[in-house]
Every structure is written in structure tokens, then in C-alpha cells.
Amino acid sequence: VQLQASGGGLVQAGGSLTLSCAASGITFSIYAMSWYRQAAGKQRELVAAIASGGSTNYADSVKGRFTISRDNAKNTAYLQMNSLKPDDTAVYYCNARYLNANWYGQGTLVTVSS
């Protein structure tokens, strides 16, 4: 199983980035996909999740700014991040979960400058 996250980088506050998570080795369409993040010195936290059926949920801190989506034909999940804030600076990890299977990708760094 491989979850390849990409799209991180350096952006100014107020800017936008789109993260991608390309999955292989799993039946992507049945997995719930999530994005987590971990800032320096803090615990990993759930940012957004999308179920296999397409329902979504978001951390309060990103509601209205971030959008999670998935393309089952491309085995890829996305996180569109708008109105970025310095507090969004973190390593972002994608996660695939189905029953007892739980996989994380390697992470992509997002740095938001003020």
C-alpha cells in the first residue's frame, strides 16, 4: 500500500494550496480518506475526512476554508486549502481507512508565512 502526498510548499497568508494523495495497493473507492496535520511540538490532528460515499467532515478550525474531495477513477484524494493562515503550518498526512486497515502516507509540508 502506498499513499503519495504532494502539493505542499511555502505560501503567504491568505493564499491557497491544493494537496493530492495518490493511493495504490488498495481498493480506493471503499476507503474513507482523511487528511491529518501535525505542527511542530503538537499532536497530530484530523483536518478533514471524506467517506466512501462522499460525506465529509472538517475540523472547526478549517471549516469554510478547506475542501476535501476524491476522484475514485484516479485513486486520488485532494485537499483544497484557501485563506491559509500561519496556524495552518504543519506536515499534512493523508490517511486511508477501511475496517481494521489504516494507512498513512509520508506527509507533505505546508508553510504559511505571515
PDB file of N, CA and C in Angstrom:
ATOM      1  N   VAL A   1       0.854  -1.185   0.000  1.00  0.00           N
ATOM      2  CA  VAL A   1       0.000   0.000   0.000  1.00  0.00           C
ATOM      3  C   VAL A   1       0.892   1.237   0.000  1.00  0.00           C
ATOM      4  N   GLN A   2       0.516   2.181  -0.856  1.00  0.00           N
ATOM      5  CA  GLN A   2       1.283   3.426  -0.904  1.00  0.00           C
ATOM      6  C   GLN A   2       0.318   4.596  -0.996  1.00  0.00           C
ATOM      7  N   LEU A   3       0.545   5.593  -0.153  1.00  0.00           N
ATOM      8  CA  LEU A   3      -0.202   6.838  -0.214  1.00  0.00           C
ATOM      9  C   LEU A   3       0.817   7.946  -0.455  1.00  0.00           C
ATOM     10  N   GLN A   4       0.789   8.517  -1.647  1.00  0.00           N
ATOM     11  CA  GLN A   4       1.779   9.514  -2.033  1.00  0.00           C
ATOM     12  C   GLN A   4       1.159  10.898  -1.956  1.00  0.00           C
ATOM     13  N   ALA A   5       1.538  11.657  -0.934  1.00  0.00           N
ATOM     14  CA  ALA A   5       1.017  13.013  -0.771  1.00  0.00           C
ATOM     15  C   ALA A   5       1.922  14.005  -1.486  1.00  0.00           C
ATOM     16  N   SER A   6       1.324  14.996  -2.091  1.00  0.00           N
ATOM     17  CA  SER A   6       2.089  16.032  -2.787  1.00  0.00           C
ATOM     18  C   SER A   6       1.319  17.339  -2.757  1.00  0.00           C
ATOM     19  N   GLY A   7       1.995  18.408  -3.157  1.00  0.00           N
ATOM     20  CA  GLY A   7       1.334  19.700  -3.267  1.00  0.00           C
ATOM     21  C   GLY A   7       1.674  20.690  -2.178  1.00  0.00           C
ATOM     22  N   GLY A   8       2.429  20.270  -1.173  1.00  0.00           N
ATOM     23  CA  GLY A   8       2.817  21.192  -0.128  1.00  0.00           C
ATOM     24  C   GLY A   8       3.809  22.225  -0.632  1.00  0.00           C
ATOM     25  N   GLY A   9       4.063  23.210   0.205  1.00  0.00           N
ATOM     26  CA  GLY A   9       5.014  24.248  -0.175  1.00  0.00           C
ATOM     27  C   GLY A   9       4.880  25.458   0.723  1.00  0.00           C
ATOM     28  N   LEU A  10       5.516  26.528   0.289  1.00  0.00           N
ATOM     29  CA  LEU A  10       5.505  27.790   1.021  1.00  0.00           C
ATOM     30  C   LEU A  10       4.512  28.735   0.362  1.00  0.00           C
ATOM     31  N   VAL A  11       3.647  29.313   1.163  1.00  0.00           N
ATOM     32  CA  VAL A  11       2.633  30.223   0.637  1.00  0.00           C
ATOM     33  C   VAL A  11       2.439  31.354   1.646  1.00  0.00           C
ATOM     34  N   GLN A  12       2.073  32.509   1.144  1.00  0.00           N
ATOM     35  CA  GLN A  12       1.790  33.627   2.036  1.00  0.00           C
ATOM     36  C   GLN A  12       0.402  33.490   2.646  1.00  0.00           C
ATOM     37  N   ALA A  13       0.230  34.099   3.805  1.00  0.00           N
ATOM     38  CA  ALA A  13      -1.085  34.105   4.444  1.00  0.00           C
ATOM     39  C   ALA A  13      -2.125  34.659   3.475  1.00  0.00           C
ATOM     40  N   GLY A  14      -3.272  33.995   3.455  1.00  0.00           N
ATOM     41  CA  GLY A  14      -4.325  34.366   2.529  1.00  0.00           C
ATOM     42  C   GLY A  14      -4.285  33.620   1.221  1.00  0.00           C
ATOM     43  N   GLY A  15      -3.209  32.908   0.985  1.00  0.00           N
ATOM     44  CA  GLY A  15      -3.050  32.171  -0.256  1.00  0.00           C
ATOM     45  C   GLY A  15      -3.738  30.815  -0.229  1.00  0.00           C
ATOM     46  N   SER A  16      -3.517  30.060  -1.301  1.00  0.00           N
ATOM     47  CA  SER A  16      -4.178  28.762  -1.475  1.00  0.00           C
ATOM     48  C   SER A  16      -3.180  27.696  -1.896  1.00  0.00           C
ATOM     49  N   LEU A  17      -3.472  26.492  -1.534  1.00  0.00           N
ATOM     50  CA  LEU A  17      -2.720  25.316  -1.982  1.00  0.00           C
ATOM     51  C   LEU A  17      -3.701  24.167  -2.140  1.00  0.00           C
ATOM     52  N   THR A  18      -3.373  23.245  -3.025  1.00  0.00           N
ATOM     53  CA  THR A  18      -4.136  22.015  -3.147  1.00  0.00           C
ATOM     54  C   THR A  18      -3.213  20.826  -2.936  1.00  0.00           C
ATOM     55  N   LEU A  19      -3.533  20.016  -1.961  1.00  0.00           N
ATOM     56  CA  LEU A  19      -2.782  18.795  -1.708  1.00  0.00           C
ATOM     57  C   LEU A  19      -3.453  17.630  -2.431  1.00  0.00           C
ATOM     58  N   SER A  20      -2.623  16.704  -2.884  1.00  0.00           N
ATOM     59  CA  SER A  20      -3.118  15.487  -3.528  1.00  0.00           C
ATOM     60  C   SER A  20      -2.572  14.271  -2.798  1.00  0.00           C
ATOM     61  N   CYS A  21      -3.349  13.219  -2.779  1.00  0.00           N
ATOM     62  CA  CYS A  21      -2.928  11.949  -2.189  1.00  0.00           C
ATOM     63  C   CYS A  21      -3.269  10.845  -3.174  1.00  0.00           C
ATOM     64  N   ALA A  22      -2.253  10.323  -3.832  1.00  0.00           N
ATOM     65  CA  ALA A  22      -2.445   9.250  -4.799  1.00  0.00           C
ATOM     66  C   ALA A  22      -2.250   7.912  -4.103  1.00  0.00           C
ATOM     67  N   ALA A  23      -3.249   7.063  -4.188  1.00  0.00           N
ATOM     68  CA  ALA A  23      -3.225   5.785  -3.491  1.00  0.00           C
ATOM     69  C   ALA A  23      -2.989   4.642  -4.466  1.00  0.00           C
ATOM     70  N   SER A  24      -2.255   3.647  -3.999  1.00  0.00           N
ATOM     71  CA  SER A  24      -2.080   2.422  -4.770  1.00  0.00           C
ATOM     72  C   SER A  24      -2.048   1.248  -3.799  1.00  0.00           C
ATOM     73  N   GLY A  25      -2.437   0.081  -4.300  1.00  0.00           N
ATOM     74  CA  GLY A  25      -2.407  -1.110  -3.464  1.00  0.00           C
ATOM     75  C   GLY A  25      -3.656  -1.323  -2.628  1.00  0.00           C
ATOM     76  N   ILE A  26      -4.641  -0.458  -2.792  1.00  0.00           N
ATOM     77  CA  ILE A  26      -5.899  -0.605  -2.078  1.00  0.00           C
ATOM     78  C   ILE A  26      -7.061  -0.438  -3.062  1.00  0.00           C
ATOM     79  N   THR A  27      -8.219  -0.955  -2.665  1.00  0.00           N
ATOM     80  CA  THR A  27      -9.438  -0.700  -3.436  1.00  0.00           C
ATOM     81  C   THR A  27      -9.937   0.662  -2.989  1.00  0.00           C
ATOM     82  N   PHE A  28      -9.467   1.686  -3.665  1.00  0.00           N
ATOM     83  CA  PHE A  28      -9.595   3.056  -3.186  1.00  0.00           C
ATOM     84  C   PHE A  28     -11.047   3.434  -2.878  1.00  0.00           C
ATOM     85  N   SER A  29     -11.953   3.020  -3.719  1.00  0.00           N
ATOM     86  CA  SER A  29     -13.332   3.506  -3.611  1.00  0.00           C
ATOM     87  C   SER A  29     -14.017   3.111  -2.314  1.00  0.00           C
ATOM     88  N   ILE A  30     -13.550   2.071  -1.644  1.00  0.00           N
ATOM     89  CA  ILE A  30     -14.225   1.631  -0.419  1.00  0.00           C
ATOM     90  C   ILE A  30     -13.615   2.248   0.840  1.00  0.00           C
ATOM     91  N   TYR A  31     -12.500   2.940   0.669  1.00  0.00           N
ATOM     92  CA  TYR A  31     -11.792   3.503   1.809  1.00  0.00           C
ATOM     93  C   TYR A  31     -12.290   4.904   2.131  1.00  0.00           C
ATOM     94  N   ALA A  32     -12.404   5.190   3.416  1.00  0.00           N
ATOM     95  CA  ALA A  32     -12.553   6.572   3.862  1.00  0.00           C
ATOM     96  C   ALA A  32     -11.182   7.222   3.786  1.00  0.00           C
ATOM     97  N   MET A  33     -11.141   8.428   3.265  1.00  0.00           N
ATOM     98  CA  MET A  33      -9.874   9.150   3.123  1.00  0.00           C
ATOM     99  C   MET A  33      -9.890  10.386   4.019  1.00  0.00           C
ATOM    100  N   SER A  34      -8.788  10.637   4.641  1.00  0.00           N
ATOM    101  CA  SER A  34      -8.690  11.773   5.549  1.00  0.00           C
ATOM    102  C   SER A  34      -7.367  12.486   5.357  1.00  0.00           C
ATOM    103  N   TRP A  35      -7.351  13.725   5.810  1.00  0.00           N
ATOM    104  CA  TRP A  35      -6.110  14.486   5.922  1.00  0.00           C
ATOM    105  C   TRP A  35      -5.912  14.835   7.397  1.00  0.00           C
ATOM    106  N   TYR A  36      -4.721  14.560   7.883  1.00  0.00           N
ATOM    107  CA  TYR A  36      -4.303  14.944   9.209  1.00  0.00           C
ATOM    108  C   TYR A  36      -3.156  15.946   9.069  1.00  0.00           C
ATOM    109  N   ARG A  37      -2.877  16.659  10.133  1.00  0.00           N
ATOM    110  CA  ARG A  37      -1.702  17.515  10.139  1.00  0.00           C
ATOM    111  C   ARG A  37      -1.051  17.493  11.509  1.00  0.00           C
ATOM    112  N   GLN A  38       0.232  17.759  11.491  1.00  0.00           N
ATOM    113  CA  GLN A  38       0.993  17.823  12.732  1.00  0.00           C
ATOM    114  C   GLN A  38       1.937  19.002  12.671  1.00  0.00           C
ATOM    115  N   ALA A  39       1.679  19.964  13.521  1.00  0.00           N
ATOM    116  CA  ALA A  39       2.562  21.122  13.634  1.00  0.00           C
ATOM    117  C   ALA A  39       3.688  20.795  14.609  1.00  0.00           C
ATOM    118  N   ALA A  40       4.763  21.530  14.515  1.00  0.00           N
ATOM    119  CA  ALA A  40       5.920  21.301  15.376  1.00  0.00           C
ATOM    120  C   ALA A  40       5.506  21.394  16.838  1.00  0.00           C
ATOM    121  N   GLY A  41       5.838  20.365  17.609  1.00  0.00           N
ATOM    122  CA  GLY A  41       5.545  20.366  19.028  1.00  0.00           C
ATOM    123  C   GLY A  41       4.111  20.073  19.401  1.00  0.00           C
ATOM    124  N   LYS A  42       3.301  19.722  18.423  1.00  0.00           N
ATOM    125  CA  LYS A  42       1.888  19.455  18.691  1.00  0.00           C
ATOM    126  C   LYS A  42       1.515  18.044  18.249  1.00  0.00           C
ATOM    127  N   GLN A  43       0.367  17.599  18.729  1.00  0.00           N
ATOM    128  CA  GLN A  43      -0.120  16.278  18.334  1.00  0.00           C
ATOM    129  C   GLN A  43      -0.746  16.328  16.946  1.00  0.00           C
ATOM    130  N   ARG A  44      -0.744  15.199  16.297  1.00  0.00           N
ATOM    131  CA  ARG A  44      -1.407  15.095  15.002  1.00  0.00           C
ATOM    132  C   ARG A  44      -2.903  15.284  15.200  1.00  0.00           C
ATOM    133  N   GLU A  45      -3.520  16.038  14.294  1.00  0.00           N
ATOM    134  CA  GLU A  45      -4.956  16.297  14.397  1.00  0.00           C
ATOM    135  C   GLU A  45      -5.636  16.043  13.061  1.00  0.00           C
ATOM    136  N   LEU A  46      -6.884  15.645  13.152  1.00  0.00           N
ATOM    137  CA  LEU A  46      -7.688  15.432  11.955  1.00  0.00           C
ATOM    138  C   LEU A  46      -8.103  16.784  11.382  1.00  0.00           C
ATOM    139  N   VAL A  47      -7.879  16.939  10.094  1.00  0.00           N
ATOM    140  CA  VAL A  47      -8.253  18.174   9.394  1.00  0.00           C
ATOM    141  C   VAL A  47      -9.573  18.001   8.657  1.00  0.00           C
ATOM    142  N   ALA A  48      -9.666  16.939   7.869  1.00  0.00           N
ATOM    143  CA  ALA A  48     -10.859  16.714   7.062  1.00  0.00           C
ATOM    144  C   ALA A  48     -10.935  15.243   6.686  1.00  0.00           C
ATOM    145  N   ALA A  49     -12.149  14.776   6.467  1.00  0.00           N
ATOM    146  CA  ALA A  49     -12.359  13.385   6.092  1.00  0.00           C
ATOM    147  C   ALA A  49     -13.479  13.296   5.076  1.00  0.00           C
ATOM    148  N   ILE A  50     -13.368  12.301   4.204  1.00  0.00           N
ATOM    149  CA  ILE A  50     -14.427  12.032   3.235  1.00  0.00           C
ATOM    150  C   ILE A  50     -14.678  10.531   3.215  1.00  0.00           C
ATOM    151  N   ALA A  51     -15.932  10.167   3.402  1.00  0.00           N
ATOM    152  CA  ALA A  51     -16.293   8.754   3.422  1.00  0.00           C
ATOM    153  C   ALA A  51     -16.334   8.194   2.002  1.00  0.00           C
ATOM    154  N   SER A  52     -16.441   6.884   1.914  1.00  0.00           N
ATOM    155  CA  SER A  52     -16.513   6.251   0.594  1.00  0.00           C
ATOM    156  C   SER A  52     -17.726   6.743  -0.184  1.00  0.00           C
ATOM    157  N   GLY A  53     -18.786   7.078   0.540  1.00  0.00           N
ATOM    158  CA  GLY A  53     -19.988   7.571  -0.113  1.00  0.00           C
ATOM    159  C   GLY A  53     -19.963   9.049  -0.428  1.00  0.00           C
ATOM    160  N   GLY A  54     -18.929   9.750   0.056  1.00  0.00           N
ATOM    161  CA  GLY A  54     -18.761  11.160  -0.286  1.00  0.00           C
ATOM    162  C   GLY A  54     -19.096  12.141   0.823  1.00  0.00           C
ATOM    163  N   SER A  55     -19.642  11.682   1.940  1.00  0.00           N
ATOM    164  CA  SER A  55     -19.922  12.627   3.018  1.00  0.00           C
ATOM    165  C   SER A  55     -18.614  13.118   3.623  1.00  0.00           C
ATOM    166  N   THR A  56     -18.634  14.348   4.088  1.00  0.00           N
ATOM    167  CA  THR A  56     -17.407  14.980   4.562  1.00  0.00           C
ATOM    168  C   THR A  56     -17.577  15.540   5.971  1.00  0.00           C
ATOM    169  N   ASN A  57     -16.468  15.696   6.656  1.00  0.00           N
ATOM    170  CA  ASN A  57     -16.459  16.437   7.903  1.00  0.00           C
ATOM    171  C   ASN A  57     -15.115  17.130   8.059  1.00  0.00           C
ATOM    172  N   TYR A  58     -15.140  18.220   8.818  1.00  0.00           N
ATOM    173  CA  TYR A  58     -13.975  19.094   8.926  1.00  0.00           C
ATOM    174  C   TYR A  58     -13.733  19.497  10.377  1.00  0.00           C
ATOM    175  N   ALA A  59     -12.475  19.742  10.679  1.00  0.00           N
ATOM    176  CA  ALA A  59     -12.143  20.367  11.946  1.00  0.00           C
ATOM    177  C   ALA A  59     -12.721  21.781  11.941  1.00  0.00           C
ATOM    178  N   ASP A  60     -13.145  22.228  13.125  1.00  0.00           N
ATOM    179  CA  ASP A  60     -13.736  23.570  13.211  1.00  0.00           C
ATOM    180  C   ASP A  60     -12.773  24.638  12.691  1.00  0.00           C
ATOM    181  N   SER A  61     -11.497  24.421  12.897  1.00  0.00           N
ATOM    182  CA  SER A  61     -10.505  25.433  12.540  1.00  0.00           C
ATOM    183  C   SER A  61     -10.364  25.638  11.031  1.00  0.00           C
ATOM    184  N   VAL A  62     -10.867  24.708  10.237  1.00  0.00           N
ATOM    185  CA  VAL A  62     -10.708  24.826   8.782  1.00  0.00           C
ATOM    186  C   VAL A  62     -12.031  24.907   8.040  1.00  0.00           C
ATOM    187  N   LYS A  63     -13.131  24.802   8.751  1.00  0.00           N
ATOM    188  CA  LYS A  63     -14.441  24.859   8.096  1.00  0.00           C
ATOM    189  C   LYS A  63     -14.602  26.162   7.331  1.00  0.00           C
ATOM    190  N   GLY A  64     -15.085  26.049   6.117  1.00  0.00           N
ATOM    191  CA  GLY A  64     -15.285  27.222   5.279  1.00  0.00           C
ATOM    192  C   GLY A  64     -14.048  27.635   4.508  1.00  0.00           C
ATOM    193  N   ARG A  65     -12.901  27.061   4.830  1.00  0.00           N
ATOM    194  CA  ARG A  65     -11.655  27.404   4.132  1.00  0.00           C
ATOM    195  C   ARG A  65     -11.085  26.222   3.354  1.00  0.00           C
ATOM    196  N   PHE A  66     -11.245  25.019   3.875  1.00  0.00           N
ATOM    197  CA  PHE A  66     -10.686  23.815   3.252  1.00  0.00           C
ATOM    198  C   PHE A  66     -11.817  22.968   2.677  1.00  0.00           C
ATOM    199  N   THR A  67     -11.515  22.276   1.591  1.00  0.00           N
ATOM    200  CA  THR A  67     -12.465  21.358   0.970  1.00  0.00           C
ATOM    201  C   THR A  67     -11.758  20.056   0.631  1.00  0.00           C
ATOM    202  N   ILE A  68     -12.303  18.965   1.135  1.00  0.00           N
ATOM    203  CA  ILE A  68     -11.760  17.646   0.801  1.00  0.00           C
ATOM    204  C   ILE A  68     -12.619  17.041  -0.307  1.00  0.00           C
ATOM    205  N   SER A  69     -11.964  16.340  -1.213  1.00  0.00           N
ATOM    206  CA  SER A  69     -12.689  15.686  -2.297  1.00  0.00           C
ATOM    207  C   SER A  69     -11.925  14.428  -2.694  1.00  0.00           C
ATOM    208  N   ARG A  70     -12.556  13.637  -3.539  1.00  0.00           N
ATOM    209  CA  ARG A  70     -11.914  12.403  -4.003  1.00  0.00           C
ATOM    210  C   ARG A  70     -12.323  12.132  -5.433  1.00  0.00           C
ATOM    211  N   ASP A  71     -11.429  11.484  -6.167  1.00  0.00           N
ATOM    212  CA  ASP A  71     -11.692  11.041  -7.523  1.00  0.00           C
ATOM    213  C   ASP A  71     -11.380   9.547  -7.556  1.00  0.00           C
ATOM    214  N   ASN A  72     -12.419   8.739  -7.471  1.00  0.00           N
ATOM    215  CA  ASN A  72     -12.208   7.296  -7.402  1.00  0.00           C
ATOM    216  C   ASN A  72     -11.620   6.739  -8.701  1.00  0.00           C
ATOM    217  N   ALA A  73     -11.871   7.394  -9.809  1.00  0.00           N
ATOM    218  CA  ALA A  73     -11.303   6.939 -11.076  1.00  0.00           C
ATOM    219  C   ALA A  73      -9.784   7.119 -11.103  1.00  0.00           C
ATOM    220  N   LYS A  74      -9.298   8.093 -10.344  1.00  0.00           N
ATOM    221  CA  LYS A  74      -7.854   8.370 -10.310  1.00  0.00           C
ATOM    222  C   LYS A  74      -7.202   7.874  -9.029  1.00  0.00           C
ATOM    223  N   ASN A  75      -7.978   7.240  -8.151  1.00  0.00           N
ATOM    224  CA  ASN A  75      -7.450   6.763  -6.866  1.00  0.00           C
ATOM    225  C   ASN A  75      -6.751   7.889  -6.105  1.00  0.00           C
ATOM    226  N   THR A  76      -7.361   9.059  -6.106  1.00  0.00           N
ATOM    227  CA  THR A  76      -6.715  10.231  -5.533  1.00  0.00           C
ATOM    228  C   THR A  76      -7.696  11.025  -4.666  1.00  0.00           C
ATOM    229  N   ALA A  77      -7.188  11.468  -3.543  1.00  0.00           N
ATOM    230  CA  ALA A  77      -7.928  12.385  -2.683  1.00  0.00           C
ATOM    231  C   ALA A  77      -7.237  13.744  -2.702  1.00  0.00           C
ATOM    232  N   TYR A  78      -8.026  14.790  -2.474  1.00  0.00           N
ATOM    233  CA  TYR A  78      -7.499  16.151  -2.551  1.00  0.00           C
ATOM    234  C   TYR A  78      -7.892  16.937  -1.309  1.00  0.00           C
ATOM    235  N   LEU A  79      -7.095  17.953  -1.029  1.00  0.00           N
ATOM    236  CA  LEU A  79      -7.453  18.917  -0.005  1.00  0.00           C
ATOM    237  C   LEU A  79      -7.181  20.308  -0.573  1.00  0.00           C
ATOM    238  N   GLN A  80      -8.258  20.996  -0.902  1.00  0.00           N
ATOM    239  CA  GLN A  80      -8.136  22.369  -1.371  1.00  0.00           C
ATOM    240  C   GLN A  80      -8.120  23.273  -0.152  1.00  0.00           C
ATOM    241  N   MET A  81      -7.066  24.069  -0.022  1.00  0.00           N
ATOM    242  CA  MET A  81      -6.900  24.925   1.151  1.00  0.00           C
ATOM    243  C   MET A  81      -6.865  26.378   0.701  1.00  0.00           C
ATOM    244  N   ASN A  82      -7.833  27.138   1.159  1.00  0.00           N
ATOM    245  CA  ASN A  82      -7.928  28.561   0.835  1.00  0.00           C
ATOM    246  C   ASN A  82      -7.771  29.398   2.097  1.00  0.00           C
ATOM    247  N   SER A  83      -7.518  30.669   1.903  1.00  0.00           N
ATOM    248  CA  SER A  83      -7.394  31.612   3.027  1.00  0.00           C
ATOM    249  C   SER A  83      -6.464  31.060   4.100  1.00  0.00           C
ATOM    250  N   LEU A  84      -5.318  30.602   3.665  1.00  0.00           N
ATOM    251  CA  LEU A  84      -4.385  29.968   4.595  1.00  0.00           C
ATOM    252  C   LEU A  84      -3.866  30.945   5.633  1.00  0.00           C
ATOM    253  N   LYS A  85      -3.646  30.402   6.832  1.00  0.00           N
ATOM    254  CA  LYS A  85      -3.161  31.188   7.955  1.00  0.00           C
ATOM    255  C   LYS A  85      -1.842  30.601   8.452  1.00  0.00           C
ATOM    256  N   PRO A  86      -1.025  31.398   9.110  1.00  0.00           N
ATOM    257  CA  PRO A  86       0.219  30.840   9.668  1.00  0.00           C
ATOM    258  C   PRO A  86      -0.041  29.627  10.568  1.00  0.00           C
ATOM    259  N   ASP A  87      -1.174  29.603  11.263  1.00  0.00           N
ATOM    260  CA  ASP A  87      -1.502  28.465  12.127  1.00  0.00           C
ATOM    261  C   ASP A  87      -1.749  27.178  11.341  1.00  0.00           C
ATOM    262  N   ASP A  88      -1.910  27.269  10.046  1.00  0.00           N
ATOM    263  CA  ASP A  88      -2.072  26.080   9.211  1.00  0.00           C
ATOM    264  C   ASP A  88      -0.736  25.417   8.880  1.00  0.00           C
ATOM    265  N   THR A  89       0.359  26.045   9.272  1.00  0.00           N
ATOM    266  CA  THR A  89       1.679  25.479   9.014  1.00  0.00           C
ATOM    267  C   THR A  89       1.830  24.143   9.730  1.00  0.00           C
ATOM    268  N   ALA A  90       2.149  23.106   8.966  1.00  0.00           N
ATOM    269  CA  ALA A  90       2.247  21.753   9.526  1.00  0.00           C
ATOM    270  C   ALA A  90       2.679  20.791   8.430  1.00  0.00           C
ATOM    271  N   VAL A  91       3.010  19.578   8.848  1.00  0.00           N
ATOM    272  CA  VAL A  91       3.140  18.482   7.898  1.00  0.00           C
ATOM    273  C   VAL A  91       1.764  17.847   7.760  1.00  0.00           C
ATOM    274  N   TYR A  92       1.310  17.712   6.530  1.00  0.00           N
ATOM    275  CA  TYR A  92      -0.013  17.158   6.249  1.00  0.00           C
ATOM    276  C   TYR A  92       0.137  15.718   5.765  1.00  0.00           C
ATOM    277  N   TYR A  93      -0.653  14.853   6.367  1.00  0.00           N
ATOM    278  CA  TYR A  93      -0.606  13.432   6.047  1.00  0.00           C
ATOM    279  C   TYR A  93      -1.964  12.978   5.518  1.00  0.00           C
ATOM    280  N   CYS A  94      -1.946  12.172   4.485  1.00  0.00           N
ATOM    281  CA  CYS A  94      -3.206  11.562   4.076  1.00  0.00           C
ATOM    282  C   CYS A  94      -3.331  10.192   4.744  1.00  0.00           C
ATOM    283  N   ASN A  95      -4.566   9.785   4.906  1.00  0.00           N
ATOM    284  CA  ASN A  95      -4.886   8.549   5.625  1.00  0.00           C
ATOM    285  C   ASN A  95      -5.992   7.835   4.881  1.00  0.00           C
ATOM    286  N   ALA A  96      -5.858   6.519   4.792  1.00  0.00           N
ATOM    287  CA  ALA A  96      -6.887   5.671   4.190  1.00  0.00           C
ATOM    288  C   ALA A  96      -7.323   4.645   5.228  1.00  0.00           C
ATOM    289  N   ARG A  97      -8.625   4.543   5.425  1.00  0.00           N
ATOM    290  CA  ARG A  97      -9.126   3.653   6.481  1.00  0.00           C
ATOM    291  C   ARG A  97     -10.319   2.866   5.989  1.00  0.00           C
ATOM    292  N   TYR A  98     -10.279   1.547   6.281  1.00  0.00           N
ATOM    293  CA  TYR A  98     -11.419   0.677   5.990  1.00  0.00           C
ATOM    294  C   TYR A  98     -11.381  -0.470   6.971  1.00  0.00           C
ATOM    295  N   LEU A  99     -12.373  -0.581   7.803  1.00  0.00           N
ATOM    296  CA  LEU A  99     -12.450  -1.604   8.860  1.00  0.00           C
ATOM    297  C   LEU A  99     -11.152  -1.542   9.673  1.00  0.00           C
ATOM    298  N   ASN A 100     -10.412  -2.614   9.744  1.00  0.00           N
ATOM    299  CA  ASN A 100      -9.184  -2.624  10.548  1.00  0.00           C
ATOM    300  C   ASN A 100      -7.952  -2.136   9.799  1.00  0.00           C
ATOM    301  N   ALA A 101      -8.118  -1.834   8.539  1.00  0.00           N
ATOM    302  CA  ALA A 101      -6.991  -1.332   7.746  1.00  0.00           C
ATOM    303  C   ALA A 101      -6.885   0.178   7.919  1.00  0.00           C
ATOM    304  N   ASN A 102      -5.686   0.654   8.203  1.00  0.00           N
ATOM    305  CA  ASN A 102      -5.475   2.071   8.487  1.00  0.00           C
ATOM    306  C   ASN A 102      -4.074   2.441   8.004  1.00  0.00           C
ATOM    307  N   TRP A 103      -3.993   3.248   6.951  1.00  0.00           N
ATOM    308  CA  TRP A 103      -2.710   3.556   6.311  1.00  0.00           C
ATOM    309  C   TRP A 103      -2.462   5.059   6.290  1.00  0.00           C
ATOM    310  N   TYR A 104      -1.200   5.449   6.517  1.00  0.00           N
ATOM    311  CA  TYR A 104      -0.793   6.851   6.409  1.00  0.00           C
ATOM    312  C   TYR A 104       0.237   6.997   5.299  1.00  0.00           C
ATOM    313  N   GLY A 105       0.193   8.130   4.634  1.00  0.00           N
ATOM    314  CA  GLY A 105       1.228   8.489   3.682  1.00  0.00           C
ATOM    315  C   GLY A 105       2.401   9.151   4.389  1.00  0.00           C
ATOM    316  N   GLN A 106       3.370   9.608   3.601  1.00  0.00           N
ATOM    317  CA  GLN A 106       4.618  10.103   4.173  1.00  0.00           C
ATOM    318  C   GLN A 106       4.565  11.558   4.593  1.00  0.00           C
ATOM    319  N   GLY A 107       3.557  12.290   4.227  1.00  0.00           N
ATOM    320  CA  GLY A 107       3.433  13.676   4.646  1.00  0.00           C
ATOM    321  C   GLY A 107       4.003  14.659   3.644  1.00  0.00           C
ATOM    322  N   THR A 108       3.398  15.839   3.624  1.00  0.00           N
ATOM    323  CA  THR A 108       3.891  16.930   2.793  1.00  0.00           C
ATOM    324  C   THR A 108       3.820  18.201   3.637  1.00  0.00           C
ATOM    325  N   LEU A 109       4.885  18.998   3.570  1.00  0.00           N
ATOM    326  CA  LEU A 109       4.999  20.163   4.439  1.00  0.00           C
ATOM    327  C   LEU A 109       4.305  21.369   3.821  1.00  0.00           C
ATOM    328  N   VAL A 110       3.466  22.008   4.621  1.00  0.00           N
ATOM    329  CA  VAL A 110       2.826  23.262   4.238  1.00  0.00           C
ATOM    330  C   VAL A 110       3.318  24.339   5.198  1.00  0.00           C
ATOM    331  N   THR A 111       3.894  25.387   4.642  1.00  0.00           N
ATOM    332  CA  THR A 111       4.384  26.505   5.442  1.00  0.00           C
ATOM    333  C   THR A 111       3.672  27.767   4.998  1.00  0.00           C
ATOM    334  N   VAL A 112       3.016  28.435   5.937  1.00  0.00           N
ATOM    335  CA  VAL A 112       2.284  29.660   5.634  1.00  0.00           C
ATOM    336  C   VAL A 112       2.991  30.816   6.326  1.00  0.00           C
ATOM    337  N   SER A 113       3.487  31.740   5.537  1.00  0.00           N
ATOM    338  CA  SER A 113       4.208  32.883   6.091  1.00  0.00           C
ATOM    339  C   SER A 113       3.246  34.051   6.334  1.00  0.00           C
ATOM    340  N   SER A 114       3.556  34.819   7.346  1.00  0.00           N
ATOM    341  CA  SER A 114       2.680  35.967   7.692  1.00  0.00           C
ATOM    342  C   SER A 114       3.116  37.234   6.974  1.00  0.00           C
TER     343      SER A 114
END
